[in-house]
Amino acid sequence: LTGATYDTATFKKLTWRAGLDYQATDDNLLYASVSTGFRSGGFNSGQSQAALQPTFKPEKVIAFEIGSKNRFADNTIQLNVAGFYNRYNSLQEQRQVPIGPATLSIIENSGKARSYGAELEAIWKPVEALTLGLSGSYLNAKYTDYTNVPAPFGTSILVADATVLAPTLVNGVQIAGIGQRRIFAPGYDCGLVPGQPAANFGCNLNGNSLPHSPEYSGAVYASYDIDLGSAGTLTPYAVMTFSGAFFGQHFNSILERQNAYSKIDLRLTWAFNEKIEIQAFVNNVTDKATANRFVWGG
């Protein structure tokens, strides 16, 4: 959109990667790498309040990783491990902006964040037809610089207090009138945003977890190839995925918390030949309901 509130914008960045591999043996590889990543900036659609922040900046990351890829027992066991550390700048975050009775959803940039963790992948074929697998990860992802984030609706309220005989001023800005007292919801580090002509309240989210970042997650699976001779191969497959608890937004409110869960998927594949394959499946056999998008505060 171009005109009074929008204009063109260009986002570009040169990214790079450097890596070092060491083949210790024919079956054991060690590696290390450092790389940069870039997600382009963009536009917040619509008019009115979005015009106050019509564009958002690019998101950037520098990522460090070390690991090892290995095979053992005559190639019947595969074991891969990795450790990583990522530093983020200007993470693109979704936020809801209240406009009267409605809510406008925009993208804004947070400050800085970091994440570190480890990943494990193991595959075992005790016999040719049977495959057993395990994958798991540990993740610690936190904001390191994300302040003055507009407080969600209801985080700051005025309550009646007859003992207050004069307006409450903070740095010359009135935050409560006579007979009133302003309070913030427990668990939120919020206050008056400095340098604003009117009472605008923001929160300090430093140390909060990044959205959709469970501390642990992974999967366990198994498959078995049944030889049907000239009729092809029948392969049953089962996988259980699991995830620790996580938050859906950066405020880490109880309203946006998904508890730990596990799900089971089943699949049956009949491969008649290399060209014809028929598959039947049941996903989420236990009918476990989980949240994947959270909107609140508008």
C-alpha atoms as a PDB file:
ATOM      1  CA  LEU A   1       0.000   0.000   0.000  1.00  0.00           C
ATOM      2  CA  THR A   2       1.324   3.441  -0.887  1.00  0.00           C
ATOM      3  CA  GLY A   3      -0.006   6.861  -0.075  1.00  0.00           C
ATOM      4  CA  ALA A   4      -0.452   8.931   3.038  1.00  0.00           C
ATOM      5  CA  THR A   5       0.349   6.180   5.545  1.00  0.00           C
ATOM      6  CA  TYR A   6       2.395   3.635   3.577  1.00  0.00           C
ATOM      7  CA  ASP A   7       5.438   3.732   1.367  1.00  0.00           C
ATOM      8  CA  THR A   8       7.791   1.240  -0.204  1.00  0.00           C
ATOM      9  CA  ALA A   9      10.508  -0.385   1.875  1.00  0.00           C
ATOM     10  CA  THR A  10      13.502  -2.545   1.043  1.00  0.00           C
ATOM     11  CA  PHE A  11      15.101  -5.077   3.363  1.00  0.00           C
ATOM     12  CA  LYS A  12      18.349  -6.820   2.485  1.00  0.00           C
ATOM     13  CA  LYS A  13      21.270  -8.479   4.226  1.00  0.00           C
ATOM     14  CA  LEU A  14      24.292 -10.567   3.307  1.00  0.00           C
ATOM     15  CA  THR A  15      24.299 -13.818   5.306  1.00  0.00           C
ATOM     16  CA  TRP A  16      27.191 -16.237   5.686  1.00  0.00           C
ATOM     17  CA  ARG A  17      28.174 -19.586   7.148  1.00  0.00           C
ATOM     18  CA  ALA A  18      31.534 -21.031   8.193  1.00  0.00           C
ATOM     19  CA  GLY A  19      32.001 -24.661   9.166  1.00  0.00           C
ATOM     20  CA  LEU A  20      34.662 -27.184  10.055  1.00  0.00           C
ATOM     21  CA  ASP A  21      34.282 -30.961   9.669  1.00  0.00           C
ATOM     22  CA  TYR A  22      36.632 -33.640  10.956  1.00  0.00           C
ATOM     23  CA  GLN A  23      36.227 -37.230   9.826  1.00  0.00           C
ATOM     24  CA  ALA A  24      37.692 -39.033  12.846  1.00  0.00           C
ATOM     25  CA  THR A  25      36.997 -42.474  11.324  1.00  0.00           C
ATOM     26  CA  ASP A  26      34.916 -43.779   8.434  1.00  0.00           C
ATOM     27  CA  ASP A  27      31.942 -43.924  10.818  1.00  0.00           C
ATOM     28  CA  ASN A  28      32.523 -40.895  13.068  1.00  0.00           C
ATOM     29  CA  LEU A  29      32.270 -37.229  12.070  1.00  0.00           C
ATOM     30  CA  LEU A  30      32.846 -34.167  14.269  1.00  0.00           C
ATOM     31  CA  TYR A  31      31.717 -30.727  13.135  1.00  0.00           C
ATOM     32  CA  ALA A  32      31.347 -27.104  14.209  1.00  0.00           C
ATOM     33  CA  SER A  33      29.717 -24.156  12.482  1.00  0.00           C
ATOM     34  CA  VAL A  34      28.711 -20.540  12.871  1.00  0.00           C
ATOM     35  CA  SER A  35      26.137 -18.922  10.596  1.00  0.00           C
ATOM     36  CA  THR A  36      23.827 -15.940  10.279  1.00  0.00           C
ATOM     37  CA  GLY A  37      20.140 -15.861   9.389  1.00  0.00           C
ATOM     38  CA  PHE A  38      17.758 -13.184   8.164  1.00  0.00           C
ATOM     39  CA  ARG A  39      13.974 -12.868   7.958  1.00  0.00           C
ATOM     40  CA  SER A  40      12.808  -9.919   5.892  1.00  0.00           C
ATOM     41  CA  GLY A  41      10.851  -7.062   7.401  1.00  0.00           C
ATOM     42  CA  GLY A  42       7.354  -6.292   6.172  1.00  0.00           C
ATOM     43  CA  PHE A  43       4.140  -4.311   6.434  1.00  0.00           C
ATOM     44  CA  ASN A  44       1.264  -4.275   8.890  1.00  0.00           C
ATOM     45  CA  SER A  45      -1.853  -4.257   6.746  1.00  0.00           C
ATOM     46  CA  GLY A  46      -4.842  -1.969   7.280  1.00  0.00           C
ATOM     47  CA  GLN A  47      -5.142   1.653   8.296  1.00  0.00           C
ATOM     48  CA  SER A  48      -5.949   3.470  11.590  1.00  0.00           C
ATOM     49  CA  GLN A  49      -3.733   2.254  14.424  1.00  0.00           C
ATOM     50  CA  ALA A  50      -1.527   0.139  12.148  1.00  0.00           C
ATOM     51  CA  ALA A  51      -0.366   3.365  10.516  1.00  0.00           C
ATOM     52  CA  LEU A  52       1.466   4.183  13.762  1.00  0.00           C
ATOM     53  CA  GLN A  53       3.695   1.179  13.015  1.00  0.00           C
ATOM     54  CA  PRO A  54       3.224   0.505   9.292  1.00  0.00           C
ATOM     55  CA  THR A  55       6.382  -1.566   8.918  1.00  0.00           C
ATOM     56  CA  PHE A  56       8.425  -3.947  11.033  1.00  0.00           C
ATOM     57  CA  LYS A  57      12.166  -4.539  10.829  1.00  0.00           C
ATOM     58  CA  PRO A  58      14.021  -7.677   9.747  1.00  0.00           C
ATOM     59  CA  GLU A  59      14.761 -10.420  12.259  1.00  0.00           C
ATOM     60  CA  LYS A  60      18.383 -11.543  12.553  1.00  0.00           C
ATOM     61  CA  VAL A  61      20.200 -14.432  14.209  1.00  0.00           C
ATOM     62  CA  ILE A  62      23.732 -15.672  14.636  1.00  0.00           C
ATOM     63  CA  ALA A  63      23.887 -19.396  15.325  1.00  0.00           C
ATOM     64  CA  PHE A  64      26.663 -21.578  16.738  1.00  0.00           C
ATOM     65  CA  GLU A  65      26.571 -25.376  16.593  1.00  0.00           C
ATOM     66  CA  ILE A  66      28.847 -28.271  17.448  1.00  0.00           C
ATOM     67  CA  GLY A  67      28.055 -31.921  17.025  1.00  0.00           C
ATOM     68  CA  SER A  68      28.932 -35.434  16.056  1.00  0.00           C
ATOM     69  CA  LYS A  69      27.435 -37.976  13.620  1.00  0.00           C
ATOM     70  CA  ASN A  70      28.257 -41.621  14.254  1.00  0.00           C
ATOM     71  CA  ARG A  71      27.535 -45.174  13.128  1.00  0.00           C
ATOM     72  CA  PHE A  72      28.267 -48.294  15.163  1.00  0.00           C
ATOM     73  CA  ALA A  73      27.834 -52.068  15.114  1.00  0.00           C
ATOM     74  CA  ASP A  74      28.280 -52.587  11.388  1.00  0.00           C
ATOM     75  CA  ASN A  75      25.990 -49.644  10.517  1.00  0.00           C
ATOM     76  CA  THR A  76      23.058 -50.989  12.544  1.00  0.00           C
ATOM     77  CA  ILE A  77      23.186 -48.094  15.034  1.00  0.00           C
ATOM     78  CA  GLN A  78      23.233 -44.405  14.157  1.00  0.00           C
ATOM     79  CA  LEU A  79      23.778 -41.778  16.861  1.00  0.00           C
ATOM     80  CA  ASN A  80      23.858 -38.023  16.227  1.00  0.00           C
ATOM     81  CA  VAL A  81      24.301 -35.388  18.934  1.00  0.00           C
ATOM     82  CA  ALA A  82      24.481 -31.602  18.679  1.00  0.00           C
ATOM     83  CA  GLY A  83      24.691 -28.553  20.919  1.00  0.00           C
ATOM     84  CA  PHE A  84      23.711 -25.054  19.831  1.00  0.00           C
ATOM     85  CA  TYR A  85      23.624 -21.423  20.926  1.00  0.00           C
ATOM     86  CA  ASN A  86      21.643 -18.742  19.063  1.00  0.00           C
ATOM     87  CA  ARG A  87      21.540 -14.947  19.522  1.00  0.00           C
ATOM     88  CA  TYR A  88      18.516 -13.132  18.103  1.00  0.00           C
ATOM     89  CA  ASN A  89      17.981  -9.463  17.336  1.00  0.00           C
ATOM     90  CA  SER A  90      14.634  -7.773  16.543  1.00  0.00           C
ATOM     91  CA  LEU A  91      12.501 -10.905  16.789  1.00  0.00           C
ATOM     92  CA  GLN A  92       9.227 -10.478  14.900  1.00  0.00           C
ATOM     93  CA  GLU A  93       6.378 -10.817  17.387  1.00  0.00           C
ATOM     94  CA  GLN A  94       2.617 -10.839  16.930  1.00  0.00           C
ATOM     95  CA  ARG A  95       0.760  -8.408  19.194  1.00  0.00           C
ATOM     96  CA  GLN A  96      -2.879  -7.452  19.649  1.00  0.00           C
ATOM     97  CA  VAL A  97      -3.709  -3.721  19.803  1.00  0.00           C
ATOM     98  CA  PRO A  98      -7.139  -2.873  21.326  1.00  0.00           C
ATOM     99  CA  ILE A  99      -9.194  -0.400  19.240  1.00  0.00           C
ATOM    100  CA  GLY A 100     -12.465   0.219  21.027  1.00  0.00           C
ATOM    101  CA  PRO A 101     -14.415  -3.057  21.087  1.00  0.00           C
ATOM    102  CA  ALA A 102     -12.189  -4.616  18.400  1.00  0.00           C
ATOM    103  CA  THR A 103      -8.594  -5.807  18.302  1.00  0.00           C
ATOM    104  CA  LEU A 104      -5.992  -5.206  15.594  1.00  0.00           C
ATOM    105  CA  SER A 105      -3.245  -7.803  15.172  1.00  0.00           C
ATOM    106  CA  ILE A 106       0.141  -6.442  14.115  1.00  0.00           C
ATOM    107  CA  ILE A 107       3.750  -7.600  13.898  1.00  0.00           C
ATOM    108  CA  GLU A 108       6.322  -5.719  15.982  1.00  0.00           C
ATOM    109  CA  ASN A 109       9.992  -6.226  16.781  1.00  0.00           C
ATOM    110  CA  SER A 110      11.169  -7.246  20.225  1.00  0.00           C
ATOM    111  CA  GLY A 111      14.643  -6.481  21.461  1.00  0.00           C
ATOM    112  CA  LYS A 112      17.131  -9.305  21.912  1.00  0.00           C
ATOM    113  CA  ALA A 113      16.878 -12.961  22.839  1.00  0.00           C
ATOM    114  CA  ARG A 114      19.057 -16.038  23.145  1.00  0.00           C
ATOM    115  CA  SER A 115      18.543 -19.760  23.091  1.00  0.00           C
ATOM    116  CA  TYR A 116      20.737 -22.730  23.788  1.00  0.00           C
ATOM    117  CA  GLY A 117      20.212 -26.448  23.993  1.00  0.00           C
ATOM    118  CA  ALA A 118      21.074 -29.900  22.737  1.00  0.00           C
ATOM    119  CA  GLU A 119      19.607 -32.456  20.349  1.00  0.00           C
ATOM    120  CA  LEU A 120      19.909 -36.238  20.172  1.00  0.00           C
ATOM    121  CA  GLU A 121      18.919 -38.618  17.387  1.00  0.00           C
ATOM    122  CA  ALA A 122      19.309 -42.403  17.604  1.00  0.00           C
ATOM    123  CA  ILE A 123      18.320 -45.098  15.091  1.00  0.00           C
ATOM    124  CA  TRP A 124      18.737 -48.839  15.695  1.00  0.00           C
ATOM    125  CA  LYS A 125      18.118 -51.699  13.267  1.00  0.00           C
ATOM    126  CA  PRO A 126      18.551 -54.900  15.333  1.00  0.00           C
ATOM    127  CA  VAL A 127      17.394 -56.856  12.273  1.00  0.00           C
ATOM    128  CA  GLU A 128      17.023 -55.758   8.657  1.00  0.00           C
ATOM    129  CA  ALA A 129      13.226 -55.407   8.801  1.00  0.00           C
ATOM    130  CA  LEU A 130      12.924 -53.598  12.159  1.00  0.00           C
ATOM    131  CA  THR A 131      13.723 -49.920  12.718  1.00  0.00           C
ATOM    132  CA  LEU A 132      13.618 -48.288  16.172  1.00  0.00           C
ATOM    133  CA  GLY A 133      14.176 -44.576  16.606  1.00  0.00           C
ATOM    134  CA  LEU A 134      14.443 -41.913  19.264  1.00  0.00           C
ATOM    135  CA  SER A 135      14.880 -38.150  19.035  1.00  0.00           C
ATOM    136  CA  GLY A 136      14.938 -35.592  21.810  1.00  0.00           C
ATOM    137  CA  SER A 137      15.885 -32.013  22.448  1.00  0.00           C
ATOM    138  CA  TYR A 138      16.485 -29.660  25.366  1.00  0.00           C
ATOM    139  CA  LEU A 139      15.842 -25.945  24.829  1.00  0.00           C
ATOM    140  CA  ASN A 140      16.319 -22.841  26.971  1.00  0.00           C
ATOM    141  CA  ALA A 141      15.069 -19.767  25.094  1.00  0.00           C
ATOM    142  CA  LYS A 142      14.694 -16.404  26.862  1.00  0.00           C
ATOM    143  CA  TYR A 143      14.357 -12.701  26.102  1.00  0.00           C
ATOM    144  CA  THR A 144      17.411 -10.697  27.134  1.00  0.00           C
ATOM    145  CA  ASP A 145      16.226  -7.205  26.138  1.00  0.00           C
ATOM    146  CA  TYR A 146      12.487  -6.652  25.728  1.00  0.00           C
ATOM    147  CA  THR A 147      11.166  -3.720  27.775  1.00  0.00           C
ATOM    148  CA  ASN A 148       8.282  -1.229  27.724  1.00  0.00           C
ATOM    149  CA  VAL A 149       6.027  -3.765  25.999  1.00  0.00           C
ATOM    150  CA  PRO A 150       2.472  -2.346  26.048  1.00  0.00           C
ATOM    151  CA  ALA A 151       0.638  -3.897  28.973  1.00  0.00           C
ATOM    152  CA  PRO A 152      -2.218  -6.261  28.021  1.00  0.00           C
ATOM    153  CA  PHE A 153      -5.778  -5.148  28.685  1.00  0.00           C
ATOM    154  CA  GLY A 154      -6.619  -5.674  32.350  1.00  0.00           C
ATOM    155  CA  THR A 155      -3.005  -5.816  33.525  1.00  0.00           C
ATOM    156  CA  SER A 156      -3.303  -2.286  34.917  1.00  0.00           C
ATOM    157  CA  ILE A 157      -6.544  -1.160  36.587  1.00  0.00           C
ATOM    158  CA  LEU A 158      -7.845   1.633  38.802  1.00  0.00           C
ATOM    159  CA  VAL A 159      -9.487   0.742  42.119  1.00  0.00           C
ATOM    160  CA  ALA A 160     -11.400   3.001  44.471  1.00  0.00           C
ATOM    161  CA  ASP A 161      -9.459   4.170  47.554  1.00  0.00           C
ATOM    162  CA  ALA A 162     -11.059   6.922  49.653  1.00  0.00           C
ATOM    163  CA  THR A 163      -7.786   7.491  51.501  1.00  0.00           C
ATOM    164  CA  VAL A 164      -6.169   8.953  48.351  1.00  0.00           C
ATOM    165  CA  LEU A 165      -6.747  12.709  48.655  1.00  0.00           C
ATOM    166  CA  ALA A 166      -4.647  13.891  45.699  1.00  0.00           C
ATOM    167  CA  PRO A 167      -3.897  12.665  42.156  1.00  0.00           C
ATOM    168  CA  THR A 168      -1.017  10.200  41.867  1.00  0.00           C
ATOM    169  CA  LEU A 169       1.785  11.586  39.676  1.00  0.00           C
ATOM    170  CA  VAL A 170       4.817   9.724  38.364  1.00  0.00           C
ATOM    171  CA  ASN A 171       7.441  11.916  36.682  1.00  0.00           C
ATOM    172  CA  GLY A 172       4.779  14.561  36.173  1.00  0.00           C
ATOM    173  CA  VAL A 173       2.270  12.175  34.574  1.00  0.00           C
ATOM    174  CA  GLN A 174      -1.001  11.408  36.356  1.00  0.00           C
ATOM    175  CA  ILE A 175      -1.650   7.663  36.682  1.00  0.00           C
ATOM    176  CA  ALA A 176      -4.586   7.839  39.110  1.00  0.00           C
ATOM    177  CA  GLY A 177      -7.023  10.511  40.222  1.00  0.00           C
ATOM    178  CA  ILE A 178      -8.379  11.549  43.606  1.00  0.00           C
ATOM    179  CA  GLY A 179      -9.982   8.603  45.379  1.00  0.00           C
ATOM    180  CA  GLN A 180      -8.261   6.113  43.089  1.00  0.00           C
ATOM    181  CA  ARG A 181      -5.258   3.816  43.212  1.00  0.00           C
ATOM    182  CA  ARG A 182      -3.603   2.065  40.265  1.00  0.00           C
ATOM    183  CA  ILE A 183      -2.536  -1.542  40.668  1.00  0.00           C
ATOM    184  CA  PHE A 184      -0.921  -4.095  38.349  1.00  0.00           C
ATOM    185  CA  ALA A 185      -1.707  -7.775  38.042  1.00  0.00           C
ATOM    186  CA  PRO A 186       0.537  -9.992  40.202  1.00  0.00           C
ATOM    187  CA  GLY A 187       3.480 -11.507  38.367  1.00  0.00           C
ATOM    188  CA  TYR A 188       3.881  -8.664  35.876  1.00  0.00           C
ATOM    189  CA  ASP A 189       6.816  -6.244  35.978  1.00  0.00           C
ATOM    190  CA  CYS A 190       4.979  -3.262  34.524  1.00  0.00           C
ATOM    191  CA  GLY A 191       5.019   0.494  35.020  1.00  0.00           C
ATOM    192  CA  LEU A 192       4.772   3.877  33.364  1.00  0.00           C
ATOM    193  CA  VAL A 193       6.588   4.134  30.044  1.00  0.00           C
ATOM    194  CA  PRO A 194       9.014   7.099  30.417  1.00  0.00           C
ATOM    195  CA  GLY A 195       8.896  10.039  28.039  1.00  0.00           C
ATOM    196  CA  GLN A 196       5.200   9.716  27.164  1.00  0.00           C
ATOM    197  CA  PRO A 197       2.865  12.733  27.430  1.00  0.00           C
ATOM    198  CA  ALA A 198       0.023  10.579  28.783  1.00  0.00           C
ATOM    199  CA  ALA A 199      -0.169   7.547  31.046  1.00  0.00           C
ATOM    200  CA  ASN A 200       1.015   4.628  28.919  1.00  0.00           C
ATOM    201  CA  PHE A 201       2.029   1.440  30.688  1.00  0.00           C
ATOM    202  CA  GLY A 202       4.595  -1.093  29.584  1.00  0.00           C
ATOM    203  CA  CYS A 203       6.065  -4.322  30.923  1.00  0.00           C
ATOM    204  CA  ASN A 204       9.592  -5.651  31.289  1.00  0.00           C
ATOM    205  CA  LEU A 205       9.718  -9.110  29.693  1.00  0.00           C
ATOM    206  CA  ASN A 206      13.427  -9.750  30.202  1.00  0.00           C
ATOM    207  CA  GLY A 207      13.860 -13.365  31.298  1.00  0.00           C
ATOM    208  CA  ASN A 208      10.515 -14.508  29.876  1.00  0.00           C
ATOM    209  CA  SER A 209      10.428 -17.603  27.692  1.00  0.00           C
ATOM    210  CA  LEU A 210      10.074 -17.248  23.934  1.00  0.00           C
ATOM    211  CA  PRO A 211       6.669 -18.391  22.627  1.00  0.00           C
ATOM    212  CA  HIS A 212       6.322 -22.024  21.538  1.00  0.00           C
ATOM    213  CA  SER A 213       9.639 -23.020  23.134  1.00  0.00           C
ATOM    214  CA  PRO A 214       9.147 -26.128  25.291  1.00  0.00           C
ATOM    215  CA  GLU A 215      12.093 -27.055  27.489  1.00  0.00           C
ATOM    216  CA  TYR A 216      12.034 -30.602  26.154  1.00  0.00           C
ATOM    217  CA  SER A 217      10.469 -32.355  23.158  1.00  0.00           C
ATOM    218  CA  GLY A 218      11.027 -35.404  21.008  1.00  0.00           C
ATOM    219  CA  ALA A 219       9.666 -38.619  19.585  1.00  0.00           C
ATOM    220  CA  VAL A 220       9.929 -42.408  19.843  1.00  0.00           C
ATOM    221  CA  TYR A 221       9.027 -44.520  16.823  1.00  0.00           C
ATOM    222  CA  ALA A 222       9.151 -48.032  15.382  1.00  0.00           C
ATOM    223  CA  SER A 223       8.490 -49.653  12.013  1.00  0.00           C
ATOM    224  CA  TYR A 224       8.640 -53.204  10.684  1.00  0.00           C
ATOM    225  CA  ASP A 225       8.808 -54.346   7.051  1.00  0.00           C
ATOM    226  CA  ILE A 226       6.737 -57.492   6.365  1.00  0.00           C
ATOM    227  CA  ASP A 227       7.786 -59.196   3.134  1.00  0.00           C
ATOM    228  CA  LEU A 228       4.731 -60.331   1.140  1.00  0.00           C
ATOM    229  CA  GLY A 229       6.749 -61.806  -1.673  1.00  0.00           C
ATOM    230  CA  SER A 230       5.361 -60.886  -5.075  1.00  0.00           C
ATOM    231  CA  ALA A 231       2.616 -58.851  -3.323  1.00  0.00           C
ATOM    232  CA  GLY A 232       5.143 -56.292  -2.083  1.00  0.00           C
ATOM    233  CA  THR A 233       5.887 -55.083   1.440  1.00  0.00           C
ATOM    234  CA  LEU A 234       3.576 -54.182   4.317  1.00  0.00           C
ATOM    235  CA  THR A 235       5.015 -51.731   6.870  1.00  0.00           C
ATOM    236  CA  PRO A 236       3.240 -50.803  10.136  1.00  0.00           C
ATOM    237  CA  TYR A 237       4.632 -47.668  11.783  1.00  0.00           C
ATOM    238  CA  ALA A 238       3.935 -46.061  15.172  1.00  0.00           C
ATOM    239  CA  VAL A 239       5.307 -42.842  16.641  1.00  0.00           C
ATOM    240  CA  MET A 240       4.773 -41.095  19.966  1.00  0.00           C
ATOM    241  CA  THR A 241       5.679 -37.413  20.031  1.00  0.00           C
ATOM    242  CA  PHE A 242       5.999 -35.540  23.298  1.00  0.00           C
ATOM    243  CA  SER A 243       6.472 -31.951  24.357  1.00  0.00           C
ATOM    244  CA  GLY A 244       7.019 -30.060  27.568  1.00  0.00           C
ATOM    245  CA  ALA A 245       4.874 -27.101  28.547  1.00  0.00           C
ATOM    246  CA  PHE A 246       5.231 -23.826  26.655  1.00  0.00           C
ATOM    247  CA  PHE A 247       3.709 -20.355  26.403  1.00  0.00           C
ATOM    248  CA  GLY A 248       1.932 -19.048  23.314  1.00  0.00           C
ATOM    249  CA  GLN A 249       2.868 -15.377  23.720  1.00  0.00           C
ATOM    250  CA  HIS A 250       5.716 -13.376  25.169  1.00  0.00           C
ATOM    251  CA  PHE A 251       3.863 -12.330  28.348  1.00  0.00           C
ATOM    252  CA  ASN A 252       4.019 -15.917  29.681  1.00  0.00           C
ATOM    253  CA  SER A 253       0.550 -15.617  31.226  1.00  0.00           C
ATOM    254  CA  ILE A 254      -1.318 -18.625  32.566  1.00  0.00           C
ATOM    255  CA  LEU A 255      -3.898 -17.797  29.873  1.00  0.00           C
ATOM    256  CA  GLU A 256      -1.407 -18.768  27.158  1.00  0.00           C
ATOM    257  CA  ARG A 257       0.185 -21.859  28.721  1.00  0.00           C
ATOM    258  CA  GLN A 258      -0.007 -25.218  26.999  1.00  0.00           C
ATOM    259  CA  ASN A 259       0.765 -28.020  29.441  1.00  0.00           C
ATOM    260  CA  ALA A 260       3.064 -30.938  28.621  1.00  0.00           C
ATOM    261  CA  TYR A 261       1.508 -33.550  26.353  1.00  0.00           C
ATOM    262  CA  SER A 262       2.149 -36.609  24.180  1.00  0.00           C
ATOM    263  CA  LYS A 263       0.450 -37.829  21.002  1.00  0.00           C
ATOM    264  CA  ILE A 264       0.445 -41.158  19.143  1.00  0.00           C
ATOM    265  CA  ASP A 265       0.216 -41.557  15.356  1.00  0.00           C
ATOM    266  CA  LEU A 266      -0.224 -44.874  13.508  1.00  0.00           C
ATOM    267  CA  ARG A 267       0.426 -45.619   9.852  1.00  0.00           C
ATOM    268  CA  LEU A 268       0.178 -48.716   7.659  1.00  0.00           C
ATOM    269  CA  THR A 269       1.865 -48.701   4.255  1.00  0.00           C
ATOM    270  CA  TRP A 270       1.503 -51.297   1.518  1.00  0.00           C
ATOM    271  CA  ALA A 271       4.180 -50.903  -1.155  1.00  0.00           C
ATOM    272  CA  PHE A 272       3.178 -53.126  -4.069  1.00  0.00           C
ATOM    273  CA  ASN A 273       6.256 -52.092  -6.019  1.00  0.00           C
ATOM    274  CA  GLU A 274       8.458 -49.030  -6.516  1.00  0.00           C
ATOM    275  CA  LYS A 275       5.647 -47.217  -8.366  1.00  0.00           C
ATOM    276  CA  ILE A 276       2.519 -48.140  -6.387  1.00  0.00           C
ATOM    277  CA  GLU A 277       2.014 -47.472  -2.668  1.00  0.00           C
ATOM    278  CA  ILE A 278      -1.144 -47.304  -0.551  1.00  0.00           C
ATOM    279  CA  GLN A 279      -1.175 -45.828   2.939  1.00  0.00           C
ATOM    280  CA  ALA A 280      -3.706 -45.714   5.771  1.00  0.00           C
ATOM    281  CA  PHE A 281      -3.174 -43.653   8.907  1.00  0.00           C
ATOM    282  CA  VAL A 282      -4.694 -42.460  12.166  1.00  0.00           C
ATOM    283  CA  ASN A 283      -3.151 -39.336  13.663  1.00  0.00           C
ATOM    284  CA  ASN A 284      -3.528 -38.441  17.343  1.00  0.00           C
ATOM    285  CA  VAL A 285      -5.029 -41.795  18.319  1.00  0.00           C
ATOM    286  CA  THR A 286      -5.649 -40.658  21.912  1.00  0.00           C
ATOM    287  CA  ASP A 287      -7.543 -37.555  20.681  1.00  0.00           C
ATOM    288  CA  LYS A 288      -5.337 -35.180  22.662  1.00  0.00           C
ATOM    289  CA  ALA A 289      -6.354 -31.538  22.174  1.00  0.00           C
ATOM    290  CA  THR A 290      -3.566 -28.946  22.252  1.00  0.00           C
ATOM    291  CA  ALA A 291      -3.469 -25.225  21.564  1.00  0.00           C
ATOM    292  CA  ASN A 292      -1.349 -23.905  18.710  1.00  0.00           C
ATOM    293  CA  ARG A 293      -2.395 -20.232  18.601  1.00  0.00           C
ATOM    294  CA  PHE A 294      -3.124 -17.835  21.459  1.00  0.00           C
ATOM    295  CA  VAL A 295      -4.857 -14.441  21.267  1.00  0.00           C
ATOM    296  CA  TRP A 296      -5.700 -12.522  24.414  1.00  0.00           C
ATOM    297  CA  GLY A 297      -5.339  -9.037  25.882  1.00  0.00           C
ATOM    298  CA  GLY A 298      -7.539  -7.183  23.382  1.00  0.00           C
END
